[in-house]
PDB file of N, CA and C in Angstrom:
ATOM      1  N   MET A   1       5.132 -20.684 -18.341  1.00  0.00           N
ATOM      2  CA  MET A   1       6.101 -19.822 -18.746  1.00  0.00           C
ATOM      3  C   MET A   1       7.247 -20.072 -17.825  1.00  0.00           C
ATOM      4  N   ALA A   2       8.341 -20.322 -18.294  1.00  0.00           N
ATOM      5  CA  ALA A   2       9.703 -20.471 -17.587  1.00  0.00           C
ATOM      6  C   ALA A   2      10.098 -19.329 -16.861  1.00  0.00           C
ATOM      7  N   THR A   3      10.649 -19.720 -15.555  1.00  0.00           N
ATOM      8  CA  THR A   3      11.208 -18.616 -14.860  1.00  0.00           C
ATOM      9  C   THR A   3      12.702 -18.966 -14.477  1.00  0.00           C
ATOM     10  N   TYR A   4      13.231 -17.978 -13.987  1.00  0.00           N
ATOM     11  CA  TYR A   4      14.643 -18.066 -13.536  1.00  0.00           C
ATOM     12  C   TYR A   4      15.066 -17.403 -12.331  1.00  0.00           C
ATOM     13  N   ASN A   5      15.414 -18.409 -11.324  1.00  0.00           N
ATOM     14  CA  ASN A   5      15.657 -18.008  -9.966  1.00  0.00           C
ATOM     15  C   ASN A   5      14.542 -16.992  -9.337  1.00  0.00           C
ATOM     16  N   GLY A   6      13.294 -17.219  -9.565  1.00  0.00           N
ATOM     17  CA  GLY A   6      12.176 -16.637  -9.054  1.00  0.00           C
ATOM     18  C   GLY A   6      11.821 -15.217  -9.869  1.00  0.00           C
ATOM     19  N   TRP A   7      12.774 -15.051 -10.848  1.00  0.00           N
ATOM     20  CA  TRP A   7      12.466 -13.890 -11.823  1.00  0.00           C
ATOM     21  C   TRP A   7      11.561 -14.184 -13.101  1.00  0.00           C
ATOM     22  N   ALA A   8      11.297 -13.606 -13.877  1.00  0.00           N
ATOM     23  CA  ALA A   8      10.399 -13.599 -15.245  1.00  0.00           C
ATOM     24  C   ALA A   8      11.319 -14.557 -16.104  1.00  0.00           C
ATOM     25  N   ASN A   9      12.559 -14.286 -16.279  1.00  0.00           N
ATOM     26  CA  ASN A   9      13.290 -14.817 -17.194  1.00  0.00           C
ATOM     27  C   ASN A   9      14.785 -14.629 -16.678  1.00  0.00           C
ATOM     28  N   TYR A  10      15.686 -15.273 -17.604  1.00  0.00           N
ATOM     29  CA  TYR A  10      17.215 -14.925 -17.345  1.00  0.00           C
ATOM     30  C   TYR A  10      17.511 -13.518 -17.370  1.00  0.00           C
ATOM     31  N   GLU A  11      17.088 -12.947 -18.382  1.00  0.00           N
ATOM     32  CA  GLU A  11      17.288 -11.526 -18.640  1.00  0.00           C
ATOM     33  C   GLU A  11      17.089 -10.660 -17.408  1.00  0.00           C
ATOM     34  N   THR A  12      15.791 -10.846 -17.111  1.00  0.00           N
ATOM     35  CA  THR A  12      15.325  -9.997 -15.826  1.00  0.00           C
ATOM     36  C   THR A  12      16.363 -10.374 -14.586  1.00  0.00           C
ATOM     37  N   TRP A  13      16.508 -11.593 -14.340  1.00  0.00           N
ATOM     38  CA  TRP A  13      17.325 -11.837 -13.230  1.00  0.00           C
ATOM     39  C   TRP A  13      18.631 -11.116 -13.382  1.00  0.00           C
ATOM     40  N   ALA A  14      19.460 -11.288 -14.581  1.00  0.00           N
ATOM     41  CA  ALA A  14      20.626 -10.932 -14.795  1.00  0.00           C
ATOM     42  C   ALA A  14      20.846  -9.281 -14.720  1.00  0.00           C
ATOM     43  N   TRP A  15      19.654  -8.615 -15.056  1.00  0.00           N
ATOM     44  CA  TRP A  15      19.835  -7.042 -15.125  1.00  0.00           C
ATOM     45  C   TRP A  15      19.639  -6.879 -13.527  1.00  0.00           C
ATOM     46  N   LYS A  16      18.619  -7.576 -12.802  1.00  0.00           N
ATOM     47  CA  LYS A  16      18.427  -6.982 -11.420  1.00  0.00           C
ATOM     48  C   LYS A  16      19.796  -7.316 -10.724  1.00  0.00           C
ATOM     49  N   LEU A  17      20.374  -8.519 -11.027  1.00  0.00           N
ATOM     50  CA  LEU A  17      21.620  -8.848 -10.406  1.00  0.00           C
ATOM     51  C   LEU A  17      22.719  -7.900 -10.576  1.00  0.00           C
ATOM     52  N   TRP A  18      22.944  -7.336 -11.701  1.00  0.00           N
ATOM     53  CA  TRP A  18      23.863  -6.495 -11.866  1.00  0.00           C
ATOM     54  C   TRP A  18      23.604  -4.921 -11.330  1.00  0.00           C
ATOM     55  N   MET A  19      22.253  -4.892 -11.105  1.00  0.00           N
ATOM     56  CA  MET A  19      21.907  -3.493 -10.496  1.00  0.00           C
ATOM     57  C   MET A  19      22.168  -3.418  -8.989  1.00  0.00           C
ATOM     58  N   ASP A  20      22.135  -4.749  -8.257  1.00  0.00           N
ATOM     59  CA  ASP A  20      22.363  -4.768  -7.051  1.00  0.00           C
ATOM     60  C   ASP A  20      23.900  -4.846  -6.603  1.00  0.00           C
ATOM     61  N   ASN A  21      24.648  -5.341  -7.837  1.00  0.00           N
ATOM     62  CA  ASN A  21      26.076  -5.756  -7.345  1.00  0.00           C
ATOM     63  C   ASN A  21      26.978  -4.700  -7.816  1.00  0.00           C
ATOM     64  N   ASP A  22      26.630  -3.561  -8.256  1.00  0.00           N
ATOM     65  CA  ASP A  22      27.391  -2.334  -8.479  1.00  0.00           C
ATOM     66  C   ASP A  22      26.930  -1.213  -7.620  1.00  0.00           C
ATOM     67  N   GLU A  23      27.770  -0.639  -6.646  1.00  0.00           N
ATOM     68  CA  GLU A  23      27.242   0.268  -5.708  1.00  0.00           C
ATOM     69  C   GLU A  23      26.911   1.539  -6.332  1.00  0.00           C
ATOM     70  N   GLY A  24      27.636   2.149  -7.317  1.00  0.00           N
ATOM     71  CA  GLY A  24      27.166   3.362  -8.100  1.00  0.00           C
ATOM     72  C   GLY A  24      25.795   3.046  -8.680  1.00  0.00           C
ATOM     73  N   SER A  25      25.724   2.063  -9.281  1.00  0.00           N
ATOM     74  CA  SER A  25      24.448   1.682  -9.970  1.00  0.00           C
ATOM     75  C   SER A  25      23.386   1.671  -8.928  1.00  0.00           C
ATOM     76  N   GLN A  26      23.556   1.013  -8.032  1.00  0.00           N
ATOM     77  CA  GLN A  26      22.442   0.790  -6.926  1.00  0.00           C
ATOM     78  C   GLN A  26      22.065   2.185  -6.351  1.00  0.00           C
ATOM     79  N   SER A  27      23.000   2.988  -5.946  1.00  0.00           N
ATOM     80  CA  SER A  27      22.773   4.415  -5.688  1.00  0.00           C
ATOM     81  C   SER A  27      21.967   5.198  -6.767  1.00  0.00           C
ATOM     82  N   SER A  28      22.368   4.962  -7.984  1.00  0.00           N
ATOM     83  CA  SER A  28      21.506   5.605  -8.988  1.00  0.00           C
ATOM     84  C   SER A  28      20.252   5.102  -9.257  1.00  0.00           C
ATOM     85  N   TYR A  29      19.994   3.943  -8.953  1.00  0.00           N
ATOM     86  CA  TYR A  29      18.437   3.293  -9.107  1.00  0.00           C
ATOM     87  C   TYR A  29      17.751   3.619  -7.796  1.00  0.00           C
ATOM     88  N   GLN A  30      18.413   3.670  -6.598  1.00  0.00           N
ATOM     89  CA  GLN A  30      17.600   4.294  -5.709  1.00  0.00           C
ATOM     90  C   GLN A  30      17.103   5.674  -5.779  1.00  0.00           C
ATOM     91  N   GLU A  31      17.944   6.385  -6.455  1.00  0.00           N
ATOM     92  CA  GLU A  31      17.484   7.833  -6.577  1.00  0.00           C
ATOM     93  C   GLU A  31      16.356   7.898  -7.598  1.00  0.00           C
ATOM     94  N   LEU A  32      16.353   6.800  -8.691  1.00  0.00           N
ATOM     95  CA  LEU A  32      15.418   6.806  -9.525  1.00  0.00           C
ATOM     96  C   LEU A  32      13.918   6.328  -8.719  1.00  0.00           C
ATOM     97  N   VAL A  33      14.056   5.428  -7.737  1.00  0.00           N
ATOM     98  CA  VAL A  33      12.884   5.139  -6.814  1.00  0.00           C
ATOM     99  C   VAL A  33      12.513   6.187  -6.082  1.00  0.00           C
ATOM    100  N   GLU A  34      13.365   7.176  -5.478  1.00  0.00           N
ATOM    101  CA  GLU A  34      12.970   8.214  -4.753  1.00  0.00           C
ATOM    102  C   GLU A  34      12.254   9.199  -5.636  1.00  0.00           C
ATOM    103  N   ASP A  35      12.639   9.444  -6.837  1.00  0.00           N
ATOM    104  CA  ASP A  35      12.172  10.425  -7.680  1.00  0.00           C
ATOM    105  C   ASP A  35      10.720   9.778  -8.066  1.00  0.00           C
ATOM    106  N   ALA A  36      10.594   8.715  -8.223  1.00  0.00           N
ATOM    107  CA  ALA A  36       9.293   8.004  -8.658  1.00  0.00           C
ATOM    108  C   ALA A  36       8.207   8.113  -7.415  1.00  0.00           C
ATOM    109  N   THR A  37       8.690   7.789  -6.194  1.00  0.00           N
ATOM    110  CA  THR A  37       7.793   7.833  -5.070  1.00  0.00           C
ATOM    111  C   THR A  37       7.318   9.321  -4.806  1.00  0.00           C
ATOM    112  N   ASP A  38       8.272  10.198  -5.038  1.00  0.00           N
ATOM    113  CA  ASP A  38       7.925  11.818  -4.849  1.00  0.00           C
ATOM    114  C   ASP A  38       6.989  12.196  -5.846  1.00  0.00           C
ATOM    115  N   GLN A  39       7.000  11.607  -6.982  1.00  0.00           N
ATOM    116  CA  GLN A  39       6.236  12.073  -8.003  1.00  0.00           C
ATOM    117  C   GLN A  39       4.871  11.425  -8.192  1.00  0.00           C
ATOM    118  N   HIS A  40       4.632  10.345  -7.453  1.00  0.00           N
ATOM    119  CA  HIS A  40       3.351   9.701  -7.550  1.00  0.00           C
ATOM    120  C   HIS A  40       2.706   9.364  -6.272  1.00  0.00           C
ATOM    121  N   ALA A  41       1.498   9.573  -5.995  1.00  0.00           N
ATOM    122  CA  ALA A  41       0.792   9.210  -4.908  1.00  0.00           C
ATOM    123  C   ALA A  41       0.437   7.852  -4.829  1.00  0.00           C
ATOM    124  N   SER A  42       0.261   7.122  -5.661  1.00  0.00           N
ATOM    125  CA  SER A  42      -0.085   5.724  -5.641  1.00  0.00           C
ATOM    126  C   SER A  42       1.005   4.699  -5.863  1.00  0.00           C
ATOM    127  N   ARG A  43       1.029   3.753  -5.417  1.00  0.00           N
ATOM    128  CA  ARG A  43       2.100   2.660  -5.558  1.00  0.00           C
ATOM    129  C   ARG A  43       2.089   2.338  -6.992  1.00  0.00           C
ATOM    130  N   ASN A  44       0.906   1.995  -7.585  1.00  0.00           N
ATOM    131  CA  ASN A  44       0.734   1.488  -8.873  1.00  0.00           C
ATOM    132  C   ASN A  44       1.403   2.311 -10.047  1.00  0.00           C
ATOM    133  N   ALA A  45       0.844   3.877  -9.797  1.00  0.00           N
ATOM    134  CA  ALA A  45       1.562   4.758 -10.714  1.00  0.00           C
ATOM    135  C   ALA A  45       3.054   4.858 -10.490  1.00  0.00           C
ATOM    136  N   CYS A  46       3.584   4.735  -9.296  1.00  0.00           N
ATOM    137  CA  CYS A  46       4.837   5.031  -9.070  1.00  0.00           C
ATOM    138  C   CYS A  46       5.554   3.709  -9.819  1.00  0.00           C
ATOM    139  N   ILE A  47       5.205   2.421  -9.612  1.00  0.00           N
ATOM    140  CA  ILE A  47       5.894   1.196 -10.388  1.00  0.00           C
ATOM    141  C   ILE A  47       5.844   1.477 -11.869  1.00  0.00           C
ATOM    142  N   TYR A  48       4.503   1.821 -12.283  1.00  0.00           N
ATOM    143  CA  TYR A  48       4.396   2.103 -13.761  1.00  0.00           C
ATOM    144  C   TYR A  48       5.607   3.073 -14.346  1.00  0.00           C
ATOM    145  N   HIS A  49       5.698   4.119 -13.739  1.00  0.00           N
ATOM    146  CA  HIS A  49       6.604   5.196 -14.059  1.00  0.00           C
ATOM    147  C   HIS A  49       8.110   4.710 -13.988  1.00  0.00           C
ATOM    148  N   LEU A  50       8.309   4.099 -12.812  1.00  0.00           N
ATOM    149  CA  LEU A  50       9.670   3.699 -12.627  1.00  0.00           C
ATOM    150  C   LEU A  50       9.873   2.533 -13.554  1.00  0.00           C
ATOM    151  N   ALA A  51       9.168   1.530 -14.102  1.00  0.00           N
ATOM    152  CA  ALA A  51       9.463   0.536 -15.078  1.00  0.00           C
ATOM    153  C   ALA A  51       9.807   1.224 -16.418  1.00  0.00           C
ATOM    154  N   GLU A  52       9.005   2.270 -16.655  1.00  0.00           N
ATOM    155  CA  GLU A  52       9.228   2.911 -17.823  1.00  0.00           C
ATOM    156  C   GLU A  52      10.375   3.663 -17.961  1.00  0.00           C
ATOM    157  N   THR A  53      10.848   4.273 -16.974  1.00  0.00           N
ATOM    158  CA  THR A  53      12.251   5.096 -16.748  1.00  0.00           C
ATOM    159  C   THR A  53      13.363   4.060 -17.012  1.00  0.00           C
ATOM    160  N   LEU A  54      13.252   2.869 -16.070  1.00  0.00           N
ATOM    161  CA  LEU A  54      14.328   1.806 -16.137  1.00  0.00           C
ATOM    162  C   LEU A  54      14.404   1.544 -17.695  1.00  0.00           C
ATOM    163  N   LYS A  55      13.378   1.244 -18.341  1.00  0.00           N
ATOM    164  CA  LYS A  55      13.513   0.573 -19.645  1.00  0.00           C
ATOM    165  C   LYS A  55      13.972   1.678 -20.545  1.00  0.00           C
ATOM    166  N   SER A  56      13.500   3.014 -20.466  1.00  0.00           N
ATOM    167  CA  SER A  56      14.151   4.042 -21.388  1.00  0.00           C
ATOM    168  C   SER A  56      15.642   4.024 -21.022  1.00  0.00           C
ATOM    169  N   GLU A  57      16.044   4.183 -19.875  1.00  0.00           N
ATOM    170  CA  GLU A  57      17.379   4.395 -19.568  1.00  0.00           C
ATOM    171  C   GLU A  57      18.189   3.136 -20.096  1.00  0.00           C
ATOM    172  N   ALA A  58      17.961   2.050 -20.027  1.00  0.00           N
ATOM    173  CA  ALA A  58      18.712   0.840 -20.433  1.00  0.00           C
ATOM    174  C   ALA A  58      18.762   0.888 -22.000  1.00  0.00           C
ATOM    175  N   ASN A  59      17.649   1.305 -22.719  1.00  0.00           N
ATOM    176  CA  ASN A  59      17.734   1.571 -24.232  1.00  0.00           C
ATOM    177  C   ASN A  59      18.543   2.574 -24.600  1.00  0.00           C
ATOM    178  N   GLU A  60      18.481   3.850 -23.810  1.00  0.00           N
ATOM    179  CA  GLU A  60      19.239   4.898 -24.177  1.00  0.00           C
ATOM    180  C   GLU A  60      20.795   4.573 -23.962  1.00  0.00           C
ATOM    181  N   ASN A  61      21.204   3.814 -23.081  1.00  0.00           N
ATOM    182  CA  ASN A  61      22.571   3.668 -22.582  1.00  0.00           C
ATOM    183  C   ASN A  61      23.131   2.416 -23.075  1.00  0.00           C
ATOM    184  N   ALA A  62      22.458   1.703 -24.155  1.00  0.00           N
ATOM    185  CA  ALA A  62      22.766   0.447 -24.786  1.00  0.00           C
ATOM    186  C   ALA A  62      24.162   1.036 -25.762  1.00  0.00           C
ATOM    187  N   PRO A  63      25.178   0.258 -25.618  1.00  0.00           N
ATOM    188  CA  PRO A  63      26.537   0.684 -26.168  1.00  0.00           C
ATOM    189  C   PRO A  63      26.502   0.510 -27.691  1.00  0.00           C
ATOM    190  N   LEU A  64      25.594  -0.325 -28.349  1.00  0.00           N
ATOM    191  CA  LEU A  64      25.631  -0.599 -29.676  1.00  0.00           C
ATOM    192  C   LEU A  64      24.474  -0.053 -30.520  1.00  0.00           C
ATOM    193  N   ASP A  65      24.605   0.504 -31.633  1.00  0.00           N
ATOM    194  CA  ASP A  65      23.352   0.956 -32.486  1.00  0.00           C
ATOM    195  C   ASP A  65      22.928   0.100 -33.476  1.00  0.00           C
ATOM    196  N   THR A  66      24.025  -0.637 -34.250  1.00  0.00           N
ATOM    197  CA  THR A  66      23.575  -1.496 -35.241  1.00  0.00           C
ATOM    198  C   THR A  66      24.339  -2.577 -35.307  1.00  0.00           C
ATOM    199  N   GLY A  67      23.953  -3.810 -36.124  1.00  0.00           N
ATOM    200  CA  GLY A  67      24.790  -4.866 -36.371  1.00  0.00           C
ATOM    201  C   GLY A  67      24.200  -6.090 -35.476  1.00  0.00           C
ATOM    202  N   ALA A  68      24.963  -7.184 -35.677  1.00  0.00           N
ATOM    203  CA  ALA A  68      24.293  -8.282 -35.179  1.00  0.00           C
ATOM    204  C   ALA A  68      24.248  -8.161 -33.629  1.00  0.00           C
ATOM    205  N   TYR A  69      25.412  -7.873 -32.943  1.00  0.00           N
ATOM    206  CA  TYR A  69      25.394  -7.757 -31.621  1.00  0.00           C
ATOM    207  C   TYR A  69      24.513  -6.584 -30.956  1.00  0.00           C
ATOM    208  N   ALA A  70      24.249  -5.444 -31.746  1.00  0.00           N
ATOM    209  CA  ALA A  70      23.258  -4.745 -31.223  1.00  0.00           C
ATOM    210  C   ALA A  70      21.901  -5.372 -31.462  1.00  0.00           C
ATOM    211  N   ASP A  71      21.450  -6.059 -32.388  1.00  0.00           N
ATOM    212  CA  ASP A  71      20.250  -6.952 -32.540  1.00  0.00           C
ATOM    213  C   ASP A  71      20.040  -7.736 -31.251  1.00  0.00           C
ATOM    214  N   LEU A  72      21.109  -8.541 -31.069  1.00  0.00           N
ATOM    215  CA  LEU A  72      21.111  -9.594 -29.889  1.00  0.00           C
ATOM    216  C   LEU A  72      20.904  -8.918 -28.648  1.00  0.00           C
ATOM    217  N   LEU A  73      21.749  -7.619 -28.425  1.00  0.00           N
ATOM    218  CA  LEU A  73      21.434  -6.918 -27.255  1.00  0.00           C
ATOM    219  C   LEU A  73      19.986  -6.203 -26.944  1.00  0.00           C
ATOM    220  N   ASN A  74      19.550  -5.836 -28.112  1.00  0.00           N
ATOM    221  CA  ASN A  74      18.294  -5.227 -28.158  1.00  0.00           C
ATOM    222  C   ASN A  74      16.996  -6.230 -27.893  1.00  0.00           C
ATOM    223  N   ALA A  75      17.274  -7.463 -28.339  1.00  0.00           N
ATOM    224  CA  ALA A  75      16.278  -8.660 -28.014  1.00  0.00           C
ATOM    225  C   ALA A  75      16.465  -9.065 -26.517  1.00  0.00           C
ATOM    226  N   ALA A  76      17.596  -9.085 -26.062  1.00  0.00           N
ATOM    227  CA  ALA A  76      17.743  -9.308 -24.466  1.00  0.00           C
ATOM    228  C   ALA A  76      17.078  -8.091 -23.773  1.00  0.00           C
ATOM    229  N   LEU A  77      17.298  -6.826 -24.217  1.00  0.00           N
ATOM    230  CA  LEU A  77      16.727  -5.713 -23.278  1.00  0.00           C
ATOM    231  C   LEU A  77      15.222  -5.851 -23.319  1.00  0.00           C
ATOM    232  N   SER A  78      14.596  -6.246 -24.466  1.00  0.00           N
ATOM    233  CA  SER A  78      13.114  -6.180 -24.785  1.00  0.00           C
ATOM    234  C   SER A  78      12.643  -7.375 -24.003  1.00  0.00           C
ATOM    235  N   ALA A  79      13.522  -8.454 -23.665  1.00  0.00           N
ATOM    236  CA  ALA A  79      12.854  -9.585 -22.742  1.00  0.00           C
ATOM    237  C   ALA A  79      12.734  -9.308 -21.361  1.00  0.00           C
ATOM    238  N   ILE A  80      13.609  -8.205 -20.990  1.00  0.00           N
ATOM    239  CA  ILE A  80      13.657  -7.907 -19.549  1.00  0.00           C
ATOM    240  C   ILE A  80      12.101  -7.439 -18.951  1.00  0.00           C
ATOM    241  N   ASN A  81      11.617  -8.051 -17.898  1.00  0.00           N
ATOM    242  CA  ASN A  81      10.346  -7.544 -17.414  1.00  0.00           C
ATOM    243  C   ASN A  81      10.678  -6.408 -16.422  1.00  0.00           C
ATOM    244  N   TRP A  82      10.485  -5.299 -17.035  1.00  0.00           N
ATOM    245  CA  TRP A  82      10.856  -4.022 -16.206  1.00  0.00           C
ATOM    246  C   TRP A  82       9.744  -3.786 -14.915  1.00  0.00           C
ATOM    247  N   TYR A  83       8.653  -4.045 -15.257  1.00  0.00           N
ATOM    248  CA  TYR A  83       7.512  -3.955 -14.381  1.00  0.00           C
ATOM    249  C   TYR A  83       8.014  -4.892 -12.949  1.00  0.00           C
ATOM    250  N   GLN A  84       8.593  -6.019 -13.191  1.00  0.00           N
ATOM    251  CA  GLN A  84       8.813  -6.962 -12.094  1.00  0.00           C
ATOM    252  C   GLN A  84      10.017  -6.281 -11.210  1.00  0.00           C
ATOM    253  N   ILE A  85      10.847  -5.673 -12.022  1.00  0.00           N
ATOM    254  CA  ILE A  85      12.187  -5.088 -11.251  1.00  0.00           C
ATOM    255  C   ILE A  85      11.700  -3.800 -10.575  1.00  0.00           C
ATOM    256  N   ALA A  86      10.891  -3.190 -11.273  1.00  0.00           N
ATOM    257  CA  ALA A  86      10.166  -1.820 -10.429  1.00  0.00           C
ATOM    258  C   ALA A  86       9.525  -2.250  -9.245  1.00  0.00           C
ATOM    259  N   VAL A  87       8.489  -3.333  -9.369  1.00  0.00           N
ATOM    260  CA  VAL A  87       7.935  -3.794  -8.167  1.00  0.00           C
ATOM    261  C   VAL A  87       8.950  -4.076  -7.064  1.00  0.00           C
ATOM    262  N   ALA A  88      10.049  -4.942  -7.460  1.00  0.00           N
ATOM    263  CA  ALA A  88      11.115  -5.274  -6.394  1.00  0.00           C
ATOM    264  C   ALA A  88      11.714  -4.063  -5.812  1.00  0.00           C
ATOM    265  N   LEU A  89      11.963  -3.074  -6.389  1.00  0.00           N
ATOM    266  CA  LEU A  89      12.606  -1.760  -6.038  1.00  0.00           C
ATOM    267  C   LEU A  89      11.722  -0.962  -5.187  1.00  0.00           C
ATOM    268  N   VAL A  90      10.470  -0.963  -5.396  1.00  0.00           N
ATOM    269  CA  VAL A  90       9.575  -0.135  -4.673  1.00  0.00           C
ATOM    270  C   VAL A  90       9.302  -0.805  -3.505  1.00  0.00           C
ATOM    271  N   ASP A  91       9.112  -2.076  -3.487  1.00  0.00           N
ATOM    272  CA  ASP A  91       8.794  -2.818  -2.401  1.00  0.00           C
ATOM    273  C   ASP A  91      10.015  -2.852  -1.484  1.00  0.00           C
ATOM    274  N   ASP A  92      11.440  -2.725  -1.818  1.00  0.00           N
ATOM    275  CA  ASP A  92      12.598  -2.620  -1.157  1.00  0.00           C
ATOM    276  C   ASP A  92      12.743  -1.326  -0.470  1.00  0.00           C
ATOM    277  N   SER A  93      12.296  -0.290  -0.974  1.00  0.00           N
ATOM    278  CA  SER A  93      12.342   1.218  -0.685  1.00  0.00           C
ATOM    279  C   SER A  93      11.622   1.188   0.810  1.00  0.00           C
ATOM    280  N   GLU A  94      11.750   2.404   1.418  1.00  0.00           N
ATOM    281  CA  GLU A  94      11.309   2.651   2.710  1.00  0.00           C
ATOM    282  C   GLU A  94       9.906   3.253   2.777  1.00  0.00           C
ATOM    283  N   HIS A  95       9.376   3.726   1.410  1.00  0.00           N
ATOM    284  CA  HIS A  95       8.285   4.714   1.253  1.00  0.00           C
ATOM    285  C   HIS A  95       6.974   3.744   1.944  1.00  0.00           C
ATOM    286  N   GLU A  96       6.331   4.632   2.497  1.00  0.00           N
ATOM    287  CA  GLU A  96       4.888   4.118   3.114  1.00  0.00           C
ATOM    288  C   GLU A  96       3.824   4.561   2.120  1.00  0.00           C
ATOM    289  N   TRP A  97       3.123   3.690   1.686  1.00  0.00           N
ATOM    290  CA  TRP A  97       2.033   4.141   0.813  1.00  0.00           C
ATOM    291  C   TRP A  97       0.748   4.338   1.496  1.00  0.00           C
ATOM    292  N   ASN A  98       0.064   5.133   1.045  1.00  0.00           N
ATOM    293  CA  ASN A  98      -1.334   5.485   1.652  1.00  0.00           C
ATOM    294  C   ASN A  98      -2.505   4.618   0.820  1.00  0.00           C
ATOM    295  N   GLU A  99      -2.864   3.567   1.467  1.00  0.00           N
ATOM    296  CA  GLU A  99      -3.659   2.658   0.510  1.00  0.00           C
ATOM    297  C   GLU A  99      -5.047   3.157   0.117  1.00  0.00           C
ATOM    298  N   ASP A 100      -5.416   4.451   0.777  1.00  0.00           N
ATOM    299  CA  ASP A 100      -6.543   5.116   0.373  1.00  0.00           C
ATOM    300  C   ASP A 100      -6.380   5.872  -0.767  1.00  0.00           C
ATOM    301  N   GLU A 101      -5.160   5.985  -1.464  1.00  0.00           N
ATOM    302  CA  GLU A 101      -4.825   6.784  -2.651  1.00  0.00           C
ATOM    303  C   GLU A 101      -5.360   6.091  -3.691  1.00  0.00           C
ATOM    304  N   ASP A 102      -5.989   6.671  -4.809  1.00  0.00           N
ATOM    305  CA  ASP A 102      -6.658   6.196  -5.990  1.00  0.00           C
ATOM    306  C   ASP A 102      -5.530   6.400  -7.091  1.00  0.00           C
ATOM    307  N   ASP A 103      -5.526   5.397  -7.964  1.00  0.00           N
ATOM    308  CA  ASP A 103      -4.447   5.428  -8.992  1.00  0.00           C
ATOM    309  C   ASP A 103      -4.939   6.670  -9.915  1.00  0.00           C
ATOM    310  N   ASN A 104      -6.137   7.031 -10.061  1.00  0.00           N
ATOM    311  CA  ASN A 104      -6.763   7.966 -10.776  1.00  0.00           C
ATOM    312  C   ASN A 104      -6.611   9.501 -10.187  1.00  0.00           C
ATOM    313  N   ALA A 105      -6.063   9.536  -9.084  1.00  0.00           N
ATOM    314  CA  ALA A 105      -6.049  10.776  -8.332  1.00  0.00           C
ATOM    315  C   ALA A 105      -4.803  11.619  -8.804  1.00  0.00           C
ATOM    316  N   GLU A 106      -4.153  11.235  -9.553  1.00  0.00           N
ATOM    317  CA  GLU A 106      -2.715  11.743 -10.031  1.00  0.00           C
ATOM    318  C   GLU A 106      -3.097  12.825 -11.293  1.00  0.00           C
TER     319      GLU A 106
END
């Protein structure tokens, strides 16, 4: 599988780049990470929840609903590896995980 600058693909890299390059967006994403870490005792559950939240927000905020451009935008959004981005965000957070926590304990 081809990668792009250490990310799963170009779409994932580009999305993460834009997340990091806009201060307002960066703050918003940090809040999502904090919310996810507050809601989940395990790192894996937090990452899964965060990935689903990121994907949902991206799809809800897509500016186009129909037409060729919307189809292309939706294809690009569906190619993004949301899990990989969530891992990076959680790893960059200052949250300390209790490694004894079980994923099924939630």
